[in-house]
Structure formats: structure tokens, C-alpha cells
N, C-alpha and C. Protein backbone atom coordinates (compact mmCIF):
# COMPACT_ATOMS: atom_id res chain seq x y z
N MET A 1 0.82 -1.13 -0.37
CA MET A 1 -0.12 0.09 0.10
C MET A 1 0.81 1.25 -0.06
N SER A 2 1.84 1.41 1.07
CA SER A 2 2.49 2.64 1.21
C SER A 2 3.57 2.98 -0.01
N GLY A 3 3.62 3.40 -0.70
CA GLY A 3 4.53 4.05 -1.60
C GLY A 3 5.22 5.15 -1.64
N SER A 4 4.30 5.92 -0.66
CA SER A 4 4.91 7.20 -0.31
C SER A 4 6.40 7.53 0.27
N GLY A 5 6.74 6.80 1.11
CA GLY A 5 8.08 6.83 1.81
C GLY A 5 7.76 7.23 2.76
N GLN A 6 6.36 7.44 3.24
CA GLN A 6 6.25 8.04 4.80
C GLN A 6 5.04 7.24 5.52
N ASP A 7 4.87 7.40 6.83
CA ASP A 7 3.39 6.74 7.45
C ASP A 7 2.26 7.30 6.96
N VAL A 8 1.20 6.24 6.82
CA VAL A 8 0.11 6.33 6.05
C VAL A 8 -0.93 6.16 7.21
N LEU A 9 -1.96 6.71 7.07
CA LEU A 9 -3.36 5.95 7.80
C LEU A 9 -4.20 6.17 6.61
N TYR A 10 -4.68 4.86 5.90
CA TYR A 10 -5.63 4.74 5.12
C TYR A 10 -7.05 4.39 5.91
N ILE A 11 -8.22 5.19 5.30
CA ILE A 11 -9.35 5.13 6.09
C ILE A 11 -10.07 4.20 4.27
N CYS A 12 -11.05 3.36 4.94
CA CYS A 12 -12.06 3.16 3.95
C CYS A 12 -13.15 3.94 4.06
N ARG A 13 -13.68 4.36 2.70
CA ARG A 13 -14.93 5.25 2.63
C ARG A 13 -15.92 4.46 2.45
N THR A 14 -15.96 3.06 1.60
CA THR A 14 -17.00 2.39 1.55
C THR A 14 -17.58 1.50 2.31
N CYS A 15 -17.14 1.44 3.61
CA CYS A 15 -17.60 0.70 4.79
C CYS A 15 -18.59 1.42 5.10
N PRO A 16 -19.81 0.77 5.50
CA PRO A 16 -20.05 -0.53 5.51
C PRO A 16 -20.64 -1.16 4.01
N ARG A 17 -19.72 -2.06 3.45
CA ARG A 17 -19.86 -2.08 1.85
C ARG A 17 -21.26 -3.08 2.07
N TYR A 18 -21.43 -3.83 2.71
CA TYR A 18 -22.80 -4.94 2.32
C TYR A 18 -23.95 -4.57 3.62
N GLU A 19 -23.49 -3.55 3.73
CA GLU A 19 -25.07 -2.93 4.28
C GLU A 19 -26.18 -2.45 3.53
N PRO A 20 -27.21 -2.20 3.67
CA PRO A 20 -27.95 -1.26 2.84
C PRO A 20 -27.34 0.49 2.73
N ALA A 21 -27.44 0.87 1.71
CA ALA A 21 -26.94 2.08 1.54
C ALA A 21 -27.67 3.20 2.24
N PRO A 22 -27.10 4.27 2.78
CA PRO A 22 -27.63 5.51 3.74
C PRO A 22 -28.67 6.23 2.69
N PRO A 23 -29.62 6.79 3.26
CA PRO A 23 -30.69 7.63 2.23
C PRO A 23 -29.51 8.48 1.57
N PRO A 24 -30.09 8.72 0.40
CA PRO A 24 -29.38 10.01 -0.53
C PRO A 24 -29.01 11.23 0.16
N GLY A 25 -27.76 11.56 0.03
CA GLY A 25 -27.05 12.48 0.78
C GLY A 25 -26.40 12.56 1.65
N GLU A 26 -26.69 11.31 2.49
CA GLU A 26 -26.17 10.83 3.64
C GLU A 26 -24.96 9.85 3.52
N PRO A 27 -23.79 10.04 4.39
CA PRO A 27 -22.57 9.67 4.15
C PRO A 27 -22.38 7.99 4.48
N LYS A 28 -21.67 7.03 4.44
CA LYS A 28 -21.46 5.99 5.00
C LYS A 28 -21.05 6.12 5.93
N ARG A 29 -20.74 5.13 7.02
CA ARG A 29 -19.95 5.11 8.20
C ARG A 29 -18.72 5.52 8.06
N GLY A 30 -18.04 4.78 7.26
CA GLY A 30 -16.35 4.84 6.49
C GLY A 30 -16.25 6.80 6.57
N GLU A 31 -16.95 7.54 5.93
CA GLU A 31 -17.04 8.88 5.54
C GLU A 31 -17.30 9.49 6.52
N VAL A 32 -18.01 9.14 7.44
CA VAL A 32 -18.12 9.95 8.82
C VAL A 32 -17.15 9.61 9.45
N LEU A 33 -16.39 8.40 9.57
CA LEU A 33 -14.98 8.18 10.31
C LEU A 33 -14.20 9.11 10.02
N ALA A 34 -13.70 9.11 8.47
CA ALA A 34 -12.84 10.04 7.86
C ALA A 34 -12.96 11.04 8.11
N ALA A 35 -14.12 11.64 7.89
CA ALA A 35 -14.44 13.06 8.54
C ALA A 35 -13.99 13.31 9.76
N GLU A 36 -14.13 12.68 10.58
CA GLU A 36 -14.14 13.04 12.03
C GLU A 36 -12.19 12.94 12.43
N ILE A 37 -12.12 11.72 11.53
CA ILE A 37 -10.39 12.02 12.07
C ILE A 37 -9.74 13.36 11.38
N LYS A 38 -10.03 13.76 10.14
CA LYS A 38 -9.56 14.70 9.46
C LYS A 38 -9.78 16.17 10.30
N ARG A 39 -11.38 16.19 10.99
CA ARG A 39 -11.50 17.36 11.82
C ARG A 39 -10.49 17.25 12.97
N LEU A 40 -10.06 16.41 13.23
CA LEU A 40 -9.37 16.09 14.75
C LEU A 40 -8.04 16.41 14.09
N MET A 41 -7.58 15.92 13.07
CA MET A 41 -6.08 16.30 12.60
C MET A 41 -6.06 17.81 12.48
N ARG A 42 -6.88 18.74 12.44
CA ARG A 42 -6.66 20.07 12.19
C ARG A 42 -5.41 20.69 13.10
N ASP A 43 -5.74 20.04 14.42
CA ASP A 43 -5.40 20.51 15.76
C ASP A 43 -4.10 19.35 16.52
N TRP A 44 -4.00 18.09 15.65
CA TRP A 44 -3.12 17.31 15.96
C TRP A 44 -1.85 17.88 15.89
N PRO A 45 -1.04 17.66 16.70
CA PRO A 45 0.76 18.24 16.69
C PRO A 45 1.66 17.13 15.51
N ARG A 46 0.91 16.31 15.52
CA ARG A 46 1.71 15.35 14.36
C ARG A 46 1.05 15.35 13.08
N ARG A 47 0.16 15.97 12.68
CA ARG A 47 -0.25 16.14 11.30
C ARG A 47 0.49 16.29 10.00
N ASP A 48 1.79 16.88 10.16
CA ASP A 48 2.57 16.47 9.18
C ASP A 48 3.26 15.31 8.85
N ASP A 49 3.26 14.82 9.93
CA ASP A 49 4.03 13.50 9.92
C ASP A 49 3.44 12.26 9.30
N LEU A 50 2.09 12.70 9.01
CA LEU A 50 1.28 11.18 8.80
C LEU A 50 0.39 11.69 7.60
N LEU A 51 0.61 10.89 6.61
CA LEU A 51 -0.46 11.24 5.03
C LEU A 51 -1.73 10.33 5.33
N VAL A 52 -2.94 11.11 5.33
CA VAL A 52 -4.15 10.43 5.17
C VAL A 52 -4.75 10.23 4.21
N LEU A 53 -5.26 9.08 3.67
CA LEU A 53 -5.79 8.89 2.45
C LEU A 53 -6.98 7.89 2.46
N VAL A 54 -8.33 8.71 2.17
CA VAL A 54 -9.60 8.01 2.11
C VAL A 54 -9.15 7.15 0.91
N VAL A 55 -9.73 5.49 1.19
CA VAL A 55 -9.61 4.79 -0.34
C VAL A 55 -10.96 4.17 -0.53
N ASN A 56 -10.99 3.22 -1.70
CA ASN A 56 -12.65 2.48 -1.34
C ASN A 56 -12.25 1.11 -1.10
N CYS A 57 -11.34 0.43 -0.44
CA CYS A 57 -11.53 -0.84 -0.02
C CYS A 57 -10.18 -1.31 0.98
N LEU A 58 -10.39 -1.50 1.99
CA LEU A 58 -9.12 -2.14 3.06
C LEU A 58 -9.33 -3.79 2.97
N SER A 59 -10.35 -4.39 2.22
CA SER A 59 -10.30 -5.53 2.44
C SER A 59 -10.76 -6.45 3.84
N GLY A 60 -11.34 -5.17 4.72
CA GLY A 60 -11.90 -6.03 6.21
C GLY A 60 -13.56 -5.83 5.94
N CYS A 61 -14.09 -6.13 4.98
CA CYS A 61 -15.57 -5.57 4.86
C CYS A 61 -16.25 -6.81 5.73
N PRO A 62 -16.40 -7.62 6.18
CA PRO A 62 -17.09 -8.57 7.40
C PRO A 62 -17.15 -7.63 8.73
N LYS A 63 -16.09 -6.85 8.80
CA LYS A 63 -15.89 -6.08 10.43
C LYS A 63 -15.73 -4.58 9.89
N PRO A 64 -16.64 -3.87 9.43
CA PRO A 64 -16.58 -2.60 8.86
C PRO A 64 -16.61 -1.76 10.09
N CYS A 65 -16.40 -0.66 10.61
CA CYS A 65 -15.50 0.22 9.57
C CYS A 65 -13.96 0.00 9.67
N ASN A 66 -12.79 0.12 8.75
CA ASN A 66 -11.65 -0.34 8.71
C ASN A 66 -10.52 0.94 8.57
N VAL A 67 -9.62 0.86 9.10
CA VAL A 67 -8.55 1.66 9.01
C VAL A 67 -7.19 1.04 9.29
N ALA A 68 -6.14 1.80 8.05
CA ALA A 68 -4.61 1.02 8.33
C ALA A 68 -3.90 1.82 8.45
N LEU A 69 -2.76 1.53 9.04
CA LEU A 69 -1.57 2.21 9.41
C LEU A 69 -0.19 1.35 8.75
N ASP A 70 0.42 2.22 7.64
CA ASP A 70 1.36 1.51 6.86
C ASP A 70 2.53 2.51 6.42
N ALA A 71 3.49 1.98 6.67
CA ALA A 71 4.74 2.72 6.35
C ALA A 71 6.05 1.71 5.42
N PRO A 72 6.66 2.15 4.99
CA PRO A 72 7.65 1.43 4.11
C PRO A 72 8.80 1.20 5.27
N ASP A 73 9.22 -0.42 5.43
CA ASP A 73 9.58 -1.38 6.37
C ASP A 73 9.28 -1.38 7.85
N LYS A 74 7.98 -1.25 7.66
CA LYS A 74 7.08 -1.08 8.94
C LYS A 74 5.78 -2.01 8.68
N THR A 75 5.36 -2.99 9.95
CA THR A 75 4.34 -3.71 9.48
C THR A 75 2.97 -3.43 9.41
N ARG A 76 2.35 -3.69 8.44
CA ARG A 76 1.02 -2.81 8.30
C ARG A 76 -0.09 -3.46 9.22
N LEU A 77 -1.12 -2.59 9.78
CA LEU A 77 -1.62 -2.61 11.04
C LEU A 77 -3.07 -2.47 10.12
N ARG A 78 -3.85 -3.43 10.49
CA ARG A 78 -5.20 -2.67 9.67
C ARG A 78 -6.40 -3.23 11.44
N PHE A 79 -7.03 -2.27 11.55
CA PHE A 79 -7.91 -2.06 12.70
C PHE A 79 -9.66 -2.03 12.10
N GLY A 80 -10.68 -2.99 12.58
CA GLY A 80 -11.79 -3.07 12.31
C GLY A 80 -13.00 -2.90 13.02
N GLN A 81 -14.23 -2.60 12.97
CA GLN A 81 -15.29 -2.48 13.86
C GLN A 81 -15.02 -1.50 14.58
N LEU A 82 -14.78 -0.14 13.56
CA LEU A 82 -14.81 1.26 14.30
C LEU A 82 -15.99 1.96 13.65
N ASP A 83 -15.90 3.17 14.29
CA ASP A 83 -16.83 4.25 13.81
C ASP A 83 -16.46 5.49 14.35
N ALA A 84 -17.02 6.55 14.02
CA ALA A 84 -16.45 7.82 14.25
C ALA A 84 -16.30 8.18 16.08
N GLY A 85 -16.65 7.48 16.64
CA GLY A 85 -16.34 7.52 18.34
C GLY A 85 -15.06 6.80 18.36
N TYR A 86 -14.32 6.48 17.36
CA TYR A 86 -12.79 6.08 17.59
C TYR A 86 -11.69 6.83 16.92
N ALA A 87 -12.17 7.89 16.51
CA ALA A 87 -11.28 8.68 15.61
C ALA A 87 -10.29 9.14 16.67
N HIS A 88 -10.25 9.33 18.08
CA HIS A 88 -9.39 9.86 18.92
C HIS A 88 -8.42 8.85 19.05
N ALA A 89 -8.82 7.83 19.54
CA ALA A 89 -8.11 6.29 19.67
C ALA A 89 -7.22 6.02 18.26
N VAL A 90 -7.93 6.34 17.33
CA VAL A 90 -7.01 6.06 16.08
C VAL A 90 -5.87 6.94 15.68
N LEU A 91 -5.99 8.40 16.24
CA LEU A 91 -5.06 9.06 16.14
C LEU A 91 -3.54 8.87 17.42
N GLU A 92 -4.77 8.52 18.15
CA GLU A 92 -3.44 7.92 19.64
C GLU A 92 -2.48 6.53 19.01
N ALA A 93 -3.03 5.64 18.35
CA ALA A 93 -2.28 4.75 17.72
C ALA A 93 -1.27 5.17 16.68
N ALA A 94 -2.04 6.34 15.66
CA ALA A 94 -1.14 6.51 15.17
C ALA A 94 0.06 7.10 15.45
N GLU A 95 -0.02 8.19 16.61
CA GLU A 95 1.22 8.71 16.97
C GLU A 95 2.32 7.58 17.46
N ARG A 96 1.50 6.35 18.19
CA ARG A 96 2.34 4.97 18.88
C ARG A 96 3.21 4.55 17.67
N TYR A 97 2.30 4.66 16.54
CA TYR A 97 3.08 3.74 15.26
C TYR A 97 4.17 4.96 14.58
N LEU A 98 3.99 5.96 14.60
CA LEU A 98 4.90 6.83 14.36
C LEU A 98 6.20 6.50 14.88
N ASP A 99 6.09 6.68 16.02
CA ASP A 99 7.29 6.62 17.26
C ASP A 99 7.79 4.95 17.06
N SER A 100 7.23 3.79 16.59
CA SER A 100 7.68 2.68 16.53
C SER A 100 8.76 2.64 15.47
N PRO A 101 9.76 1.83 15.56
CA PRO A 101 10.95 1.52 14.79
C PRO A 101 10.03 0.71 13.37
N ASP A 102 9.16 -0.37 14.21
CA ASP A 102 9.00 -1.57 13.19
C ASP A 102 7.35 -1.49 12.96
N GLY A 103 6.66 -0.43 13.55
CA GLY A 103 5.28 -0.53 13.32
C GLY A 103 4.44 -1.89 14.08
N ASN A 104 5.60 -2.83 14.68
CA ASN A 104 4.38 -3.93 15.09
C ASN A 104 4.17 -3.59 16.71
N LEU A 105 3.19 -2.79 16.96
CA LEU A 105 2.56 -2.83 18.04
C LEU A 105 1.46 -3.73 18.65
N PRO A 106 1.84 -4.50 19.74
CA PRO A 106 1.36 -5.28 20.47
C PRO A 106 0.27 -4.78 21.09
N ASP A 107 -0.84 -5.86 21.34
CA ASP A 107 -2.25 -5.18 21.87
C ASP A 107 -2.18 -4.08 22.89
N ASP A 108 -0.85 -4.66 23.97
CA ASP A 108 -0.97 -3.83 24.88
C ASP A 108 -0.43 -2.77 24.99
N ALA A 109 0.21 -2.23 23.63
CA ALA A 109 0.47 -0.97 23.34
C ALA A 109 -0.53 0.01 22.80
N LEU A 110 -1.49 -0.90 22.35
CA LEU A 110 -2.59 0.67 21.52
C LEU A 110 -3.59 0.93 22.62
N PRO A 111 -4.28 1.99 22.13
CA PRO A 111 -5.18 2.47 23.01
C PRO A 111 -6.09 1.53 23.56
N ASP A 112 -6.72 1.75 24.52
CA ASP A 112 -7.55 0.62 25.19
C ASP A 112 -8.84 0.64 24.43
N PRO A 113 -9.54 1.93 23.81
CA PRO A 113 -10.33 1.49 22.54
C PRO A 113 -9.96 0.44 21.70
N LEU A 114 -8.90 0.43 21.03
CA LEU A 114 -8.28 -0.43 20.09
C LEU A 114 -8.03 -1.77 20.23
N LYS A 115 -7.76 -1.87 21.44
CA LYS A 115 -7.56 -3.43 21.92
C LYS A 115 -8.58 -4.45 21.41
N GLY A 116 -7.75 -5.51 20.56
CA GLY A 116 -8.55 -6.41 20.09
C GLY A 116 -9.55 -5.92 18.69
N ARG A 117 -8.80 -5.06 18.33
CA ARG A 117 -9.58 -4.68 17.30
C ARG A 117 -8.87 -4.69 16.05
N VAL A 118 -7.70 -5.33 15.94
CA VAL A 118 -6.54 -5.19 14.74
C VAL A 118 -7.33 -6.66 14.44
N THR A 119 -7.48 -6.65 12.65
CA THR A 119 -7.91 -7.32 12.22
C THR A 119 -6.95 -8.04 11.28
N ALA A 120 -5.77 -7.23 10.95
CA ALA A 120 -4.56 -7.82 10.13
C ALA A 120 -3.46 -7.28 10.29
N ARG A 121 -2.38 -8.03 10.27
CA ARG A 121 -0.95 -7.43 10.52
C ARG A 121 -0.14 -8.33 9.44
N ALA A 122 0.69 -7.28 8.41
CA ALA A 122 1.27 -7.71 7.28
C ALA A 122 2.53 -7.23 7.78
N PRO A 123 3.71 -8.27 8.25
CA PRO A 123 4.94 -7.47 8.55
C PRO A 123 5.46 -7.31 6.96
N ALA A 124 6.29 -6.06 7.25
CA ALA A 124 6.88 -5.35 5.77
C ALA A 124 7.79 -6.48 5.27
N SER A 125 8.64 -7.71 6.00
CA SER A 125 9.54 -8.18 5.40
C SER A 125 8.34 -9.44 4.31
N LEU A 126 7.27 -9.31 4.74
CA LEU A 126 6.41 -10.34 3.93
C LEU A 126 5.91 -9.84 2.83
N ARG A 127 5.85 -8.45 2.52
CA ARG A 127 5.31 -7.72 1.63
C ARG A 127 6.03 -7.39 0.15
N GLY A 128 7.23 -7.67 0.52
CA GLY A 128 8.23 -7.93 -0.74
C GLY A 128 8.46 -6.02 -0.90
């Protein structure tokens, strides 16, 4: 995923893909999560250290909504079953990810709301 040479937070805009679409003009839950994270980032001291990309899918459809942290030479972490109420915790996890040399944050190093919500870990060494 990450080809930018920096740490990236991916946010799925299509979550939840397999639920009925919201009424016309209303955003999907993934879009609401993305908007809340972006709103919080305006005052976040590390905003220049993290690229945020809102994407069409993170392949976590059975457990929406999904975000992923990724960087070259770091483990990619995907979190699932999120909503806008997790935005603060996502940024707290992103800060810990930024400070981590390998990105492999164990569950006990995550903010409490995100413990048990890692749905995928992809070590950089396995991604070629």
C-alpha cells in the first residue's frame, strides 16, 4: 500500500459495503469516520508526519469500518469494527505507530478502545 516513503493512515470510505446504503445525501459510516479523523487532525501536533488517504476498500468488509496504518519497512496494521467514536483512539495509535521503529504494536501498546480490534498484521518483510 504505502509507496509514499512516509507513514500513512488509510481510511475505508465504502464501509460498510454489505449493509443497505444510507439515504441519498447521507454519508456512509466510513466517510463519517474519515471526516472526524480529518477534523481532529487540524489541531493534532503530528499532522505533518502522517499522510491520510481515504480509499475505496481495505478488504476488511466483514468487520466495518476499517483503517490501516502503513509505512515502508513497518508492519501494516488494519483495525476493524470502528466508527467515528474511535477517531481519537486512531490518532493515538497513529502517534505510537509513528514512534515505533517497526510498526508492530502489540495489543497492550494500543489505546484501550483499539485493543482487540486489529484485524490484520502484515510484516514489511512479507510484503516484498
